[in-house]
Amino acid sequence: MIVSIDLILLFFVVVIAIAAITLRDLLSAVILLGAYSFLMALIWVELQSVDVGFTEAAVGAGATTAFLVATISRTVRWEKK
């Protein structure tokens, strides 16, 4: 494990998670959650667990993001205040 890469990935994961839960635009939040999932896949690969990283990238960053974007396209994007 390379500590500097781990710390950089951890920083980006925390920043993206905080940004995703504070956004009011649903599409932007889903895109950030897809980026979060992709970074988690990179973390799994960095931890020498390539099979889990591949599954996270395929399911989390790929399929889930696509399904959520398709769902949002059929609903109202903005939350009412």
PDB file of N, CA and C in Angstrom:
ATOM      1  N   MET A   1       0.835  -1.175   0.000  1.00  0.00           N
ATOM      2  CA  MET A   1       0.000   0.000   0.000  1.00  0.00           C
ATOM      3  C   MET A   1       0.881   1.240   0.000  1.00  0.00           C
ATOM      4  N   ILE A   2       0.486   2.215  -0.770  1.00  0.00           N
ATOM      5  CA  ILE A   2       1.190   3.485  -0.823  1.00  0.00           C
ATOM      6  C   ILE A   2       0.374   4.480  -0.004  1.00  0.00           C
ATOM      7  N   VAL A   3       0.960   4.944   1.076  1.00  0.00           N
ATOM      8  CA  VAL A   3       0.230   5.754   2.043  1.00  0.00           C
ATOM      9  C   VAL A   3      -0.245   7.066   1.433  1.00  0.00           C
ATOM     10  N   SER A   4       0.559   7.693   0.610  1.00  0.00           N
ATOM     11  CA  SER A   4       0.151   8.985   0.042  1.00  0.00           C
ATOM     12  C   SER A   4      -1.066   8.827  -0.881  1.00  0.00           C
ATOM     13  N   ILE A   5      -1.102   7.770  -1.663  1.00  0.00           N
ATOM     14  CA  ILE A   5      -2.261   7.525  -2.532  1.00  0.00           C
ATOM     15  C   ILE A   5      -3.496   7.218  -1.689  1.00  0.00           C
ATOM     16  N   ASP A   6      -3.311   6.442  -0.632  1.00  0.00           N
ATOM     17  CA  ASP A   6      -4.435   6.131   0.258  1.00  0.00           C
ATOM     18  C   ASP A   6      -5.021   7.386   0.889  1.00  0.00           C
ATOM     19  N   LEU A   7      -4.159   8.286   1.336  1.00  0.00           N
ATOM     20  CA  LEU A   7      -4.636   9.515   1.966  1.00  0.00           C
ATOM     21  C   LEU A   7      -5.333  10.433   0.960  1.00  0.00           C
ATOM     22  N   ILE A   8      -4.818  10.501  -0.247  1.00  0.00           N
ATOM     23  CA  ILE A   8      -5.457  11.316  -1.285  1.00  0.00           C
ATOM     24  C   ILE A   8      -6.829  10.753  -1.632  1.00  0.00           C
ATOM     25  N   LEU A   9      -6.923   9.433  -1.811  1.00  0.00           N
ATOM     26  CA  LEU A   9      -8.214   8.813  -2.106  1.00  0.00           C
ATOM     27  C   LEU A   9      -9.195   9.006  -0.957  1.00  0.00           C
ATOM     28  N   LEU A  10      -8.723   8.874   0.277  1.00  0.00           N
ATOM     29  CA  LEU A  10      -9.588   9.084   1.436  1.00  0.00           C
ATOM     30  C   LEU A  10     -10.108  10.512   1.475  1.00  0.00           C
ATOM     31  N   PHE A  11      -9.237  11.482   1.206  1.00  0.00           N
ATOM     32  CA  PHE A  11      -9.652  12.884   1.190  1.00  0.00           C
ATOM     33  C   PHE A  11     -10.738  13.119   0.150  1.00  0.00           C
ATOM     34  N   PHE A  12     -10.519  12.617  -1.077  1.00  0.00           N
ATOM     35  CA  PHE A  12     -11.508  12.820  -2.135  1.00  0.00           C
ATOM     36  C   PHE A  12     -12.827  12.106  -1.825  1.00  0.00           C
ATOM     37  N   VAL A  13     -12.770  10.926  -1.234  1.00  0.00           N
ATOM     38  CA  VAL A  13     -13.992  10.197  -0.882  1.00  0.00           C
ATOM     39  C   VAL A  13     -14.802  10.980   0.145  1.00  0.00           C
ATOM     40  N   VAL A  14     -14.140  11.530   1.148  1.00  0.00           N
ATOM     41  CA  VAL A  14     -14.846  12.299   2.180  1.00  0.00           C
ATOM     42  C   VAL A  14     -15.445  13.567   1.586  1.00  0.00           C
ATOM     43  N   VAL A  15     -14.687  14.276   0.747  1.00  0.00           N
ATOM     44  CA  VAL A  15     -15.191  15.507   0.138  1.00  0.00           C
ATOM     45  C   VAL A  15     -16.389  15.220  -0.768  1.00  0.00           C
ATOM     46  N   ILE A  16     -16.304  14.181  -1.578  1.00  0.00           N
ATOM     47  CA  ILE A  16     -17.410  13.844  -2.478  1.00  0.00           C
ATOM     48  C   ILE A  16     -18.635  13.389  -1.686  1.00  0.00           C
ATOM     49  N   ALA A  17     -18.436  12.630  -0.624  1.00  0.00           N
ATOM     50  CA  ALA A  17     -19.577  12.184   0.194  1.00  0.00           C
ATOM     51  C   ALA A  17     -20.289  13.372   0.833  1.00  0.00           C
ATOM     52  N   ILE A  18     -19.533  14.307   1.362  1.00  0.00           N
ATOM     53  CA  ILE A  18     -20.149  15.487   1.979  1.00  0.00           C
ATOM     54  C   ILE A  18     -20.868  16.318   0.927  1.00  0.00           C
ATOM     55  N   ALA A  19     -20.247  16.481  -0.231  1.00  0.00           N
ATOM     56  CA  ALA A  19     -20.882  17.257  -1.303  1.00  0.00           C
ATOM     57  C   ALA A  19     -22.162  16.582  -1.794  1.00  0.00           C
ATOM     58  N   ALA A  20     -22.151  15.253  -1.895  1.00  0.00           N
ATOM     59  CA  ALA A  20     -23.324  14.536  -2.400  1.00  0.00           C
ATOM     60  C   ALA A  20     -24.515  14.642  -1.461  1.00  0.00           C
ATOM     61  N   ILE A  21     -24.273  14.654  -0.161  1.00  0.00           N
ATOM     62  CA  ILE A  21     -25.406  14.719   0.765  1.00  0.00           C
ATOM     63  C   ILE A  21     -25.890  16.140   1.004  1.00  0.00           C
ATOM     64  N   THR A  22     -25.115  17.139   0.607  1.00  0.00           N
ATOM     65  CA  THR A  22     -25.554  18.522   0.793  1.00  0.00           C
ATOM     66  C   THR A  22     -26.168  19.134  -0.460  1.00  0.00           C
ATOM     67  N   LEU A  23     -26.028  18.499  -1.609  1.00  0.00           N
ATOM     68  CA  LEU A  23     -26.604  19.038  -2.837  1.00  0.00           C
ATOM     69  C   LEU A  23     -28.121  18.898  -2.839  1.00  0.00           C
ATOM     70  N   ARG A  24     -28.783  19.857  -3.454  1.00  0.00           N
ATOM     71  CA  ARG A  24     -30.241  19.803  -3.574  1.00  0.00           C
ATOM     72  C   ARG A  24     -30.665  19.292  -4.949  1.00  0.00           C
ATOM     73  N   ASP A  25     -29.776  19.362  -5.927  1.00  0.00           N
ATOM     74  CA  ASP A  25     -30.074  18.867  -7.268  1.00  0.00           C
ATOM     75  C   ASP A  25     -29.830  17.359  -7.299  1.00  0.00           C
ATOM     76  N   LEU A  26     -30.867  16.591  -7.604  1.00  0.00           N
ATOM     77  CA  LEU A  26     -30.763  15.137  -7.550  1.00  0.00           C
ATOM     78  C   LEU A  26     -29.797  14.567  -8.577  1.00  0.00           C
ATOM     79  N   LEU A  27     -29.792  15.116  -9.783  1.00  0.00           N
ATOM     80  CA  LEU A  27     -28.896  14.599 -10.820  1.00  0.00           C
ATOM     81  C   LEU A  27     -27.442  14.818 -10.433  1.00  0.00           C
ATOM     82  N   SER A  28     -27.126  15.970  -9.905  1.00  0.00           N
ATOM     83  CA  SER A  28     -25.754  16.234  -9.465  1.00  0.00           C
ATOM     84  C   SER A  28     -25.358  15.298  -8.322  1.00  0.00           C
ATOM     85  N   ALA A  29     -26.277  15.036  -7.418  1.00  0.00           N
ATOM     86  CA  ALA A  29     -25.990  14.126  -6.313  1.00  0.00           C
ATOM     87  C   ALA A  29     -25.736  12.710  -6.817  1.00  0.00           C
ATOM     88  N   VAL A  30     -26.493  12.276  -7.801  1.00  0.00           N
ATOM     89  CA  VAL A  30     -26.295  10.928  -8.351  1.00  0.00           C
ATOM     90  C   VAL A  30     -24.952  10.837  -9.066  1.00  0.00           C
ATOM     91  N   ILE A  31     -24.585  11.869  -9.788  1.00  0.00           N
ATOM     92  CA  ILE A  31     -23.294  11.862 -10.471  1.00  0.00           C
ATOM     93  C   ILE A  31     -22.157  11.827  -9.454  1.00  0.00           C
ATOM     94  N   LEU A  32     -22.289  12.587  -8.384  1.00  0.00           N
ATOM     95  CA  LEU A  32     -21.263  12.547  -7.340  1.00  0.00           C
ATOM     96  C   LEU A  32     -21.211  11.186  -6.653  1.00  0.00           C
ATOM     97  N   LEU A  33     -22.353  10.553  -6.460  1.00  0.00           N
ATOM     98  CA  LEU A  33     -22.341   9.222  -5.863  1.00  0.00           C
ATOM     99  C   LEU A  33     -21.703   8.191  -6.799  1.00  0.00           C
ATOM    100  N   GLY A  34     -21.842   8.387  -8.111  1.00  0.00           N
ATOM    101  CA  GLY A  34     -21.135   7.529  -9.059  1.00  0.00           C
ATOM    102  C   GLY A  34     -19.627   7.721  -8.959  1.00  0.00           C
ATOM    103  N   ALA A  35     -19.201   8.975  -8.812  1.00  0.00           N
ATOM    104  CA  ALA A  35     -17.774   9.254  -8.620  1.00  0.00           C
ATOM    105  C   ALA A  35     -17.276   8.670  -7.299  1.00  0.00           C
ATOM    106  N   TYR A  36     -18.107   8.760  -6.261  1.00  0.00           N
ATOM    107  CA  TYR A  36     -17.774   8.163  -4.969  1.00  0.00           C
ATOM    108  C   TYR A  36     -17.570   6.654  -5.107  1.00  0.00           C
ATOM    109  N   SER A  37     -18.452   6.017  -5.828  1.00  0.00           N
ATOM    110  CA  SER A  37     -18.357   4.571  -6.018  1.00  0.00           C
ATOM    111  C   SER A  37     -17.111   4.207  -6.814  1.00  0.00           C
ATOM    112  N   PHE A  38     -16.778   5.024  -7.815  1.00  0.00           N
ATOM    113  CA  PHE A  38     -15.564   4.766  -8.586  1.00  0.00           C
ATOM    114  C   PHE A  38     -14.318   4.907  -7.712  1.00  0.00           C
ATOM    115  N   LEU A  39     -14.290   5.925  -6.869  1.00  0.00           N
ATOM    116  CA  LEU A  39     -13.151   6.079  -5.963  1.00  0.00           C
ATOM    117  C   LEU A  39     -13.067   4.930  -4.966  1.00  0.00           C
ATOM    118  N   MET A  40     -14.218   4.442  -4.525  1.00  0.00           N
ATOM    119  CA  MET A  40     -14.203   3.279  -3.632  1.00  0.00           C
ATOM    120  C   MET A  40     -13.646   2.048  -4.343  1.00  0.00           C
ATOM    121  N   ALA A  41     -13.946   1.923  -5.639  1.00  0.00           N
ATOM    122  CA  ALA A  41     -13.364   0.825  -6.415  1.00  0.00           C
ATOM    123  C   ALA A  41     -11.844   0.957  -6.472  1.00  0.00           C
ATOM    124  N   LEU A  42     -11.357   2.184  -6.635  1.00  0.00           N
ATOM    125  CA  LEU A  42      -9.908   2.399  -6.626  1.00  0.00           C
ATOM    126  C   LEU A  42      -9.297   2.060  -5.269  1.00  0.00           C
ATOM    127  N   ILE A  43     -10.016   2.382  -4.211  1.00  0.00           N
ATOM    128  CA  ILE A  43      -9.515   2.047  -2.875  1.00  0.00           C
ATOM    129  C   ILE A  43      -9.443   0.539  -2.699  1.00  0.00           C
ATOM    130  N   TRP A  44     -10.445  -0.185  -3.150  1.00  0.00           N
ATOM    131  CA  TRP A  44     -10.416  -1.646  -3.047  1.00  0.00           C
ATOM    132  C   TRP A  44      -9.245  -2.234  -3.828  1.00  0.00           C
ATOM    133  N   VAL A  45      -8.987  -1.677  -5.002  1.00  0.00           N
ATOM    134  CA  VAL A  45      -7.852  -2.170  -5.793  1.00  0.00           C
ATOM    135  C   VAL A  45      -6.542  -1.847  -5.084  1.00  0.00           C
ATOM    136  N   GLU A  46      -6.451  -0.675  -4.500  1.00  0.00           N
ATOM    137  CA  GLU A  46      -5.251  -0.297  -3.746  1.00  0.00           C
ATOM    138  C   GLU A  46      -5.034  -1.224  -2.552  1.00  0.00           C
ATOM    139  N   LEU A  47      -6.110  -1.736  -1.985  1.00  0.00           N
ATOM    140  CA  LEU A  47      -6.020  -2.659  -0.845  1.00  0.00           C
ATOM    141  C   LEU A  47      -5.817  -4.111  -1.285  1.00  0.00           C
ATOM    142  N   GLN A  48      -5.486  -4.311  -2.567  1.00  0.00           N
ATOM    143  CA  GLN A  48      -5.191  -5.636  -3.122  1.00  0.00           C
ATOM    144  C   GLN A  48      -6.406  -6.550  -3.161  1.00  0.00           C
ATOM    145  N   SER A  49      -7.588  -5.975  -3.306  1.00  0.00           N
ATOM    146  CA  SER A  49      -8.809  -6.753  -3.431  1.00  0.00           C
ATOM    147  C   SER A  49      -9.456  -6.411  -4.774  1.00  0.00           C
ATOM    148  N   VAL A  50      -8.845  -6.912  -5.827  1.00  0.00           N
ATOM    149  CA  VAL A  50      -9.236  -6.532  -7.181  1.00  0.00           C
ATOM    150  C   VAL A  50     -10.636  -7.022  -7.521  1.00  0.00           C
ATOM    151  N   ASP A  51     -11.028  -8.193  -7.040  1.00  0.00           N
ATOM    152  CA  ASP A  51     -12.357  -8.707  -7.355  1.00  0.00           C
ATOM    153  C   ASP A  51     -13.455  -7.831  -6.763  1.00  0.00           C
ATOM    154  N   VAL A  52     -13.264  -7.358  -5.542  1.00  0.00           N
ATOM    155  CA  VAL A  52     -14.248  -6.465  -4.926  1.00  0.00           C
ATOM    156  C   VAL A  52     -14.247  -5.112  -5.629  1.00  0.00           C
ATOM    157  N   GLY A  53     -13.059  -4.636  -6.008  1.00  0.00           N
ATOM    158  CA  GLY A  53     -12.968  -3.375  -6.740  1.00  0.00           C
ATOM    159  C   GLY A  53     -13.649  -3.443  -8.088  1.00  0.00           C
ATOM    160  N   PHE A  54     -13.492  -4.552  -8.783  1.00  0.00           N
ATOM    161  CA  PHE A  54     -14.153  -4.720 -10.074  1.00  0.00           C
ATOM    162  C   PHE A  54     -15.667  -4.761  -9.916  1.00  0.00           C
ATOM    163  N   THR A  55     -16.141  -5.455  -8.899  1.00  0.00           N
ATOM    164  CA  THR A  55     -17.574  -5.515  -8.648  1.00  0.00           C
ATOM    165  C   THR A  55     -18.126  -4.144  -8.274  1.00  0.00           C
ATOM    166  N   GLU A  56     -17.390  -3.402  -7.458  1.00  0.00           N
ATOM    167  CA  GLU A  56     -17.814  -2.053  -7.077  1.00  0.00           C
ATOM    168  C   GLU A  56     -17.888  -1.145  -8.299  1.00  0.00           C
ATOM    169  N   ALA A  57     -16.913  -1.258  -9.185  1.00  0.00           N
ATOM    170  CA  ALA A  57     -16.917  -0.422 -10.387  1.00  0.00           C
ATOM    171  C   ALA A  57     -18.069  -0.792 -11.311  1.00  0.00           C
ATOM    172  N   ALA A  58     -18.328  -2.077 -11.469  1.00  0.00           N
ATOM    173  CA  ALA A  58     -19.386  -2.505 -12.384  1.00  0.00           C
ATOM    174  C   ALA A  58     -20.778  -2.219 -11.836  1.00  0.00           C
ATOM    175  N   VAL A  59     -20.990  -2.556 -10.582  1.00  0.00           N
ATOM    176  CA  VAL A  59     -22.321  -2.398 -10.001  1.00  0.00           C
ATOM    177  C   VAL A  59     -22.532  -0.988  -9.470  1.00  0.00           C
ATOM    178  N   GLY A  60     -21.617  -0.516  -8.645  1.00  0.00           N
ATOM    179  CA  GLY A  60     -21.794   0.776  -8.004  1.00  0.00           C
ATOM    180  C   GLY A  60     -21.669   1.951  -8.949  1.00  0.00           C
ATOM    181  N   ALA A  61     -20.540   2.027  -9.640  1.00  0.00           N
ATOM    182  CA  ALA A  61     -20.301   3.174 -10.524  1.00  0.00           C
ATOM    183  C   ALA A  61     -21.023   3.024 -11.855  1.00  0.00           C
ATOM    184  N   GLY A  62     -21.282   1.806 -12.279  1.00  0.00           N
ATOM    185  CA  GLY A  62     -21.895   1.601 -13.587  1.00  0.00           C
ATOM    186  C   GLY A  62     -23.398   1.452 -13.556  1.00  0.00           C
ATOM    187  N   ALA A  63     -23.851   0.317 -13.096  1.00  0.00           N
ATOM    188  CA  ALA A  63     -25.277  -0.010 -13.182  1.00  0.00           C
ATOM    189  C   ALA A  63     -26.139   0.867 -12.277  1.00  0.00           C
ATOM    190  N   THR A  64     -25.729   1.049 -11.038  1.00  0.00           N
ATOM    191  CA  THR A  64     -26.539   1.835 -10.115  1.00  0.00           C
ATOM    192  C   THR A  64     -26.671   3.275 -10.578  1.00  0.00           C
ATOM    193  N   THR A  65     -25.571   3.866 -11.027  1.00  0.00           N
ATOM    194  CA  THR A  65     -25.627   5.245 -11.515  1.00  0.00           C
ATOM    195  C   THR A  65     -26.529   5.353 -12.741  1.00  0.00           C
ATOM    196  N   ALA A  66     -26.431   4.395 -13.640  1.00  0.00           N
ATOM    197  CA  ALA A  66     -27.284   4.415 -14.836  1.00  0.00           C
ATOM    198  C   ALA A  66     -28.760   4.292 -14.467  1.00  0.00           C
ATOM    199  N   PHE A  67     -29.085   3.393 -13.534  1.00  0.00           N
ATOM    200  CA  PHE A  67     -30.475   3.240 -13.112  1.00  0.00           C
ATOM    201  C   PHE A  67     -31.000   4.490 -12.417  1.00  0.00           C
ATOM    202  N   LEU A  68     -30.169   5.114 -11.577  1.00  0.00           N
ATOM    203  CA  LEU A  68     -30.610   6.318 -10.884  1.00  0.00           C
ATOM    204  C   LEU A  68     -30.797   7.485 -11.840  1.00  0.00           C
ATOM    205  N   VAL A  69     -29.925   7.623 -12.817  1.00  0.00           N
ATOM    206  CA  VAL A  69     -30.092   8.686 -13.815  1.00  0.00           C
ATOM    207  C   VAL A  69     -31.354   8.445 -14.634  1.00  0.00           C
ATOM    208  N   ALA A  70     -31.628   7.192 -14.989  1.00  0.00           N
ATOM    209  CA  ALA A  70     -32.853   6.877 -15.723  1.00  0.00           C
ATOM    210  C   ALA A  70     -34.091   7.167 -14.886  1.00  0.00           C
ATOM    211  N   THR A  71     -34.021   6.895 -13.600  1.00  0.00           N
ATOM    212  CA  THR A  71     -35.141   7.187 -12.715  1.00  0.00           C
ATOM    213  C   THR A  71     -35.364   8.685 -12.586  1.00  0.00           C
ATOM    214  N   ILE A  72     -34.292   9.430 -12.440  1.00  0.00           N
ATOM    215  CA  ILE A  72     -34.413  10.883 -12.306  1.00  0.00           C
ATOM    216  C   ILE A  72     -34.947  11.510 -13.582  1.00  0.00           C
ATOM    217  N   SER A  73     -34.620  10.925 -14.724  1.00  0.00           N
ATOM    218  CA  SER A  73     -35.126  11.486 -15.977  1.00  0.00           C
ATOM    219  C   SER A  73     -36.647  11.358 -16.082  1.00  0.00           C
ATOM    220  N   ARG A  74     -37.237  10.464 -15.302  1.00  0.00           N
ATOM    221  CA  ARG A  74     -38.691  10.286 -15.307  1.00  0.00           C
ATOM    222  C   ARG A  74     -39.385  11.030 -14.174  1.00  0.00           C
ATOM    223  N   THR A  75     -38.606  11.704 -13.323  1.00  0.00           N
ATOM    224  CA  THR A  75     -39.192  12.424 -12.195  1.00  0.00           C
ATOM    225  C   THR A  75     -38.785  13.893 -12.258  1.00  0.00           C
ATOM    226  N   VAL A  76     -39.210  14.642 -11.260  1.00  0.00           N
ATOM    227  CA  VAL A  76     -38.840  16.055 -11.131  1.00  0.00           C
ATOM    228  C   VAL A  76     -37.464  16.117 -10.504  1.00  0.00           C
ATOM    229  N   ARG A  77     -36.555  16.898 -11.105  1.00  0.00           N
ATOM    230  CA  ARG A  77     -35.183  16.940 -10.616  1.00  0.00           C
ATOM    231  C   ARG A  77     -35.015  17.787  -9.378  1.00  0.00           C
ATOM    232  N   TRP A  78     -35.776  18.830  -9.219  1.00  0.00           N
ATOM    233  CA  TRP A  78     -35.549  19.766  -8.127  1.00  0.00           C
ATOM    234  C   TRP A  78     -36.480  19.504  -6.968  1.00  0.00           C
ATOM    235  N   GLU A  79     -35.938  19.576  -5.785  1.00  0.00           N
ATOM    236  CA  GLU A  79     -36.739  19.398  -4.582  1.00  0.00           C
ATOM    237  C   GLU A  79     -37.486  20.683  -4.290  1.00  0.00           C
ATOM    238  N   LYS A  80     -38.744  20.561  -3.903  1.00  0.00           N
ATOM    239  CA  LYS A  80     -39.524  21.747  -3.559  1.00  0.00           C
ATOM    240  C   LYS A  80     -39.120  22.253  -2.187  1.00  0.00           C
ATOM    241  N   LYS A  81     -39.040  23.570  -2.062  1.00  0.00           N
ATOM    242  CA  LYS A  81     -38.623  24.158  -0.781  1.00  0.00           C
ATOM    243  C   LYS A  81     -39.799  24.427   0.110  1.00  0.00           C
TER     244      LYS A  81
END
